[in-house]
């Protein structure tokens, strides 16, 4: 089929002026002309335009795009693979930026005195205040939330790094208990569940057994919590939830 410059511009989401410019620099010249001299594009032209737009979206200059597309050693499938790889990397970087910005917004509300770079360096995609907010929402525990807010407002970057190291060490040891095959209600698993409760109490707010078991339920019901523990070890969210409940019962 043959398409007019207006049809191509509308379908591709570019201006007619852009298509004229691409033609002038030899990046995308129409395969044909009408009897009156108007540009006519075919399906192959549209496919080339699609590649041009992908590379432009990735930040490539027009001259480099032309060199890539005109390389006799390349083919359409190779272009798609290359674009897929580049877009995947870009998506990952954008997601990291979104995570950092979301944390910066939350930290600002909670008076965490860190620069955006420090916040992302320390926390990555983990929100240390999620427990406090969920406690307030679920139990109306405004005092727990206020206490957590008071504490974190005084923490420095070194404090947060110590907290991060403590959590990572706990996660490593808890994963080892899981790997050993010990059941979730074993003494080793329950001891680490108790340590988990104490870490929350030490750093954020007094985490009672009632609050802790409520958090345990959310670890398997709320994807935000589940994904955090699943990144440490698959199955950890459910195992930890069971261990927390068993620990609370054993200490009742």
Protein backbone atom coordinates (compact mmCIF):
# COMPACT_ATOMS: atom_id res chain seq x y z
CA UNK A 1 0.00 0.00 0.00
CA UNK A 2 1.00 3.62 -0.50
CA UNK A 3 0.50 6.22 2.21
CA UNK A 4 0.54 9.99 2.00
CA UNK A 5 2.82 12.03 4.21
CA UNK A 6 -0.20 13.18 6.20
CA UNK A 7 -1.36 9.62 6.83
CA UNK A 8 2.09 8.55 7.95
CA UNK A 9 2.48 11.55 10.23
CA UNK A 10 -0.87 10.86 11.90
CA UNK A 11 -0.21 7.13 12.32
CA UNK A 12 3.31 7.61 13.69
CA UNK A 13 2.56 10.57 15.93
CA UNK A 14 5.04 12.88 14.25
CA UNK A 15 4.64 16.09 12.28
CA UNK A 16 4.68 16.41 8.51
CA UNK A 17 7.59 18.81 8.96
CA UNK A 18 9.54 16.05 10.76
CA UNK A 19 8.96 13.64 7.88
CA UNK A 20 10.09 16.29 5.40
CA UNK A 21 13.26 16.78 7.45
CA UNK A 22 13.93 13.04 7.58
CA UNK A 23 13.60 12.96 3.81
CA UNK A 24 15.93 15.92 3.34
CA UNK A 25 18.73 14.34 5.42
CA UNK A 26 18.24 10.88 3.88
CA UNK A 27 17.09 9.22 7.10
CA UNK A 28 13.67 8.27 5.74
CA UNK A 29 12.94 8.93 2.09
CA UNK A 30 9.62 7.76 0.66
CA UNK A 31 9.79 4.85 -1.72
CA UNK A 32 7.64 6.55 -4.31
CA UNK A 33 6.01 9.69 -5.57
CA UNK A 34 2.57 10.37 -6.97
CA UNK A 35 2.09 11.56 -10.54
CA UNK A 36 1.98 15.08 -9.16
CA UNK A 37 5.19 14.65 -7.16
CA UNK A 38 3.77 14.06 -3.68
CA UNK A 39 5.57 11.68 -1.33
CA UNK A 40 4.21 8.15 -1.07
CA UNK A 41 5.35 5.76 1.69
CA UNK A 42 5.04 1.98 1.65
CA UNK A 43 5.04 -0.61 4.49
CA UNK A 44 8.84 -0.90 4.46
CA UNK A 45 9.09 2.87 4.96
CA UNK A 46 6.75 2.67 7.92
CA UNK A 47 8.82 -0.11 9.45
CA UNK A 48 11.97 2.02 9.10
CA UNK A 49 10.14 4.98 10.67
CA UNK A 50 9.18 2.77 13.60
CA UNK A 51 12.84 1.94 14.21
CA UNK A 52 13.78 5.61 13.87
CA UNK A 53 11.25 6.58 16.52
CA UNK A 54 12.41 3.84 18.90
CA UNK A 55 16.02 4.94 18.64
CA UNK A 56 15.05 8.61 19.00
CA UNK A 57 13.11 7.75 22.16
CA UNK A 58 16.28 6.14 23.47
CA UNK A 59 18.19 9.38 22.85
CA UNK A 60 20.17 8.46 19.72
CA UNK A 61 21.10 11.37 17.39
CA UNK A 62 19.70 11.23 13.88
CA UNK A 63 23.11 10.71 12.28
CA UNK A 64 23.80 7.67 14.43
CA UNK A 65 20.33 6.24 13.75
CA UNK A 66 20.98 6.50 10.01
CA UNK A 67 24.30 4.70 10.39
CA UNK A 68 22.68 1.92 12.43
CA UNK A 69 19.76 1.40 10.06
CA UNK A 70 21.92 1.53 6.94
CA UNK A 71 24.43 -1.00 8.25
CA UNK A 72 24.28 -3.90 5.75
CA UNK A 73 25.18 -6.37 8.49
CA UNK A 74 22.04 -5.62 10.52
CA UNK A 75 18.48 -6.83 10.02
CA UNK A 76 15.04 -5.92 11.44
CA UNK A 77 15.15 -8.70 14.02
CA UNK A 78 18.54 -7.50 15.24
CA UNK A 79 17.18 -3.96 15.58
CA UNK A 80 14.26 -5.19 17.65
CA UNK A 81 16.54 -7.18 19.93
CA UNK A 82 18.84 -4.19 20.40
CA UNK A 83 15.90 -1.86 21.10
CA UNK A 84 14.41 -4.35 23.54
CA UNK A 85 17.69 -4.57 25.46
CA UNK A 86 18.11 -0.79 25.56
CA UNK A 87 14.52 -0.21 26.64
CA UNK A 88 14.81 -2.85 29.35
CA UNK A 89 17.85 -1.07 30.80
CA UNK A 90 16.07 2.27 30.59
CA UNK A 91 12.95 0.92 32.29
CA UNK A 92 15.08 -0.40 35.14
CA UNK A 93 16.79 2.97 35.58
CA UNK A 94 13.47 4.80 35.49
CA UNK A 95 12.01 2.43 38.06
CA UNK A 96 15.00 3.08 40.32
CA UNK A 97 14.38 6.80 39.94
CA UNK A 98 10.68 6.38 40.75
CA UNK A 99 11.57 4.40 43.86
CA UNK A 100 14.05 7.04 44.99
CA UNK A 101 11.53 9.83 44.42
CA UNK A 102 8.76 7.97 46.24
CA UNK A 103 11.04 7.42 49.20
CA UNK A 104 12.14 11.06 49.14
CA UNK A 105 8.49 12.12 49.29
CA UNK A 106 7.81 9.80 52.22
CA UNK A 107 11.00 10.74 54.02
CA UNK A 108 10.15 14.41 53.68
CA UNK A 109 6.83 13.80 55.36
CA UNK A 110 8.54 11.91 58.16
CA UNK A 111 11.34 14.46 58.62
CA UNK A 112 14.12 12.02 57.73
CA UNK A 113 17.16 14.26 57.45
CA UNK A 114 18.97 12.71 54.50
CA UNK A 115 19.76 13.94 51.03
CA UNK A 116 17.88 12.17 48.19
CA UNK A 117 21.12 10.39 47.23
CA UNK A 118 21.65 9.22 50.80
CA UNK A 119 18.06 8.07 51.10
CA UNK A 120 18.32 5.89 48.00
CA UNK A 121 21.79 4.65 48.98
CA UNK A 122 20.54 3.53 52.37
CA UNK A 123 17.07 2.22 51.64
CA UNK A 124 16.89 1.27 47.97
CA UNK A 125 13.33 0.04 47.42
CA UNK A 126 12.59 -0.70 51.09
CA UNK A 127 10.51 1.77 53.08
CA UNK A 128 11.53 1.51 56.75
CA UNK A 129 8.45 3.43 57.85
CA UNK A 130 5.96 1.08 56.23
CA UNK A 131 5.50 -0.78 59.53
CA UNK A 132 4.67 2.40 61.41
CA UNK A 133 2.17 3.61 58.84
CA UNK A 134 0.47 0.23 58.58
CA UNK A 135 0.24 0.08 62.37
CA UNK A 136 -1.52 3.43 62.43
CA UNK A 137 -3.92 2.48 59.66
CA UNK A 138 -4.74 -0.99 60.96
CA UNK A 139 -4.93 -0.39 64.70
CA UNK A 140 -5.34 3.35 64.97
CA UNK A 141 -1.97 3.28 66.74
CA UNK A 142 -1.29 6.97 66.49
CA UNK A 143 1.08 6.83 69.45
CA UNK A 144 3.20 4.20 67.69
CA UNK A 145 3.29 6.38 64.60
CA UNK A 146 4.22 9.50 66.57
CA UNK A 147 6.93 7.58 68.44
CA UNK A 148 8.39 6.30 65.18
CA UNK A 149 8.30 9.79 63.72
CA UNK A 150 10.11 11.19 66.75
CA UNK A 151 12.85 8.57 66.52
CA UNK A 152 13.53 8.67 62.79
CA UNK A 153 13.67 12.46 62.75
CA UNK A 154 16.87 12.17 64.80
CA UNK A 155 18.54 9.41 62.78
CA UNK A 156 21.63 10.18 60.72
CA UNK A 157 22.87 8.36 57.65
CA UNK A 158 25.13 6.23 59.88
CA UNK A 159 22.12 5.28 61.99
CA UNK A 160 20.22 4.16 58.91
CA UNK A 161 23.21 2.21 57.63
CA UNK A 162 23.43 0.38 60.96
CA UNK A 163 19.73 -0.38 60.73
CA UNK A 164 20.18 -1.68 57.20
CA UNK A 165 23.11 -3.88 58.22
CA UNK A 166 21.14 -5.26 61.16
CA UNK A 167 18.18 -6.14 58.96
CA UNK A 168 20.39 -7.73 56.32
CA UNK A 169 22.15 -9.84 58.95
CA UNK A 170 18.80 -10.92 60.38
CA UNK A 171 17.52 -11.78 56.89
CA UNK A 172 20.59 -13.88 56.13
CA UNK A 173 20.25 -15.88 59.34
CA UNK A 174 16.51 -16.34 58.90
CA UNK A 175 17.08 -17.63 55.34
CA UNK A 176 19.62 -20.10 56.71
CA UNK A 177 17.03 -21.47 59.15
CA UNK A 178 14.60 -21.89 56.28
CA UNK A 179 17.24 -23.67 54.18
CA UNK A 180 17.96 -26.06 57.04
CA UNK A 181 14.45 -27.47 56.71
CA UNK A 182 13.39 -26.44 60.21
CA UNK A 183 9.64 -25.85 60.51
CA UNK A 184 8.35 -22.34 61.07
CA UNK A 185 7.38 -23.19 64.65
CA UNK A 186 10.83 -24.51 65.50
CA UNK A 187 12.78 -22.81 68.31
CA UNK A 188 15.30 -21.40 65.83
CA UNK A 189 12.62 -19.84 63.61
CA UNK A 190 10.64 -18.47 66.57
CA UNK A 191 13.77 -17.00 68.14
CA UNK A 192 14.45 -15.07 64.95
CA UNK A 193 10.80 -14.02 64.76
CA UNK A 194 11.20 -12.61 68.25
CA UNK A 195 14.41 -10.86 67.19
CA UNK A 196 12.49 -9.35 64.27
CA UNK A 197 9.91 -7.93 66.69
CA UNK A 198 12.65 -6.50 68.87
CA UNK A 199 14.35 -4.84 65.89
CA UNK A 200 11.13 -3.00 65.09
CA UNK A 201 10.72 -2.00 68.74
CA UNK A 202 14.32 -0.84 69.01
CA UNK A 203 14.32 1.29 65.88
CA UNK A 204 10.77 2.50 65.35
CA UNK A 205 8.07 1.89 67.95
CA UNK A 206 7.07 -0.59 70.64
CA UNK A 207 5.95 -3.56 68.60
CA UNK A 208 3.61 -5.64 70.77
CA UNK A 209 2.82 -9.27 69.92
CA UNK A 210 -0.60 -8.13 68.74
CA UNK A 211 0.95 -5.62 66.34
CA UNK A 212 3.60 -8.14 65.28
CA UNK A 213 1.03 -10.80 64.36
CA UNK A 214 -0.95 -8.16 62.48
CA UNK A 215 2.17 -7.33 60.50
CA UNK A 216 2.69 -11.04 59.91
CA UNK A 217 -0.73 -11.24 58.27
CA UNK A 218 0.16 -8.34 55.98
CA UNK A 219 3.43 -9.98 54.98
CA UNK A 220 1.38 -12.52 53.03
CA UNK A 221 -1.62 -10.32 52.15
CA UNK A 222 0.15 -7.16 51.01
CA UNK A 223 2.32 -7.46 47.91
CA UNK A 224 4.62 -4.65 49.07
CA UNK A 225 5.67 -6.66 52.11
CA UNK A 226 5.62 -10.02 50.35
CA UNK A 227 7.94 -8.90 47.56
CA UNK A 228 10.48 -7.51 50.04
CA UNK A 229 10.85 -10.83 51.88
CA UNK A 230 10.61 -12.91 48.70
CA UNK A 231 13.68 -11.10 47.36
CA UNK A 232 15.64 -12.36 50.35
CA UNK A 233 14.47 -15.93 49.87
CA UNK A 234 11.46 -17.38 48.01
CA UNK A 235 8.78 -18.45 50.46
CA UNK A 236 10.12 -16.25 53.27
CA UNK A 237 6.99 -14.11 53.66
CA UNK A 238 4.73 -17.07 54.47
CA UNK A 239 7.39 -18.79 56.60
CA UNK A 240 8.04 -15.63 58.62
CA UNK A 241 4.34 -15.01 59.08
CA UNK A 242 3.88 -18.50 60.48
CA UNK A 243 6.95 -18.15 62.73
CA UNK A 244 5.70 -14.83 64.12
CA UNK A 245 2.32 -16.32 64.98
CA UNK A 246 3.95 -19.37 66.58
CA UNK A 247 6.27 -17.11 68.58
CA UNK A 248 3.42 -14.96 69.85
CA UNK A 249 1.45 -18.03 70.95
CA UNK A 250 4.46 -19.52 72.71
CA UNK A 251 4.97 -16.31 74.71
CA UNK A 252 1.35 -15.69 75.61
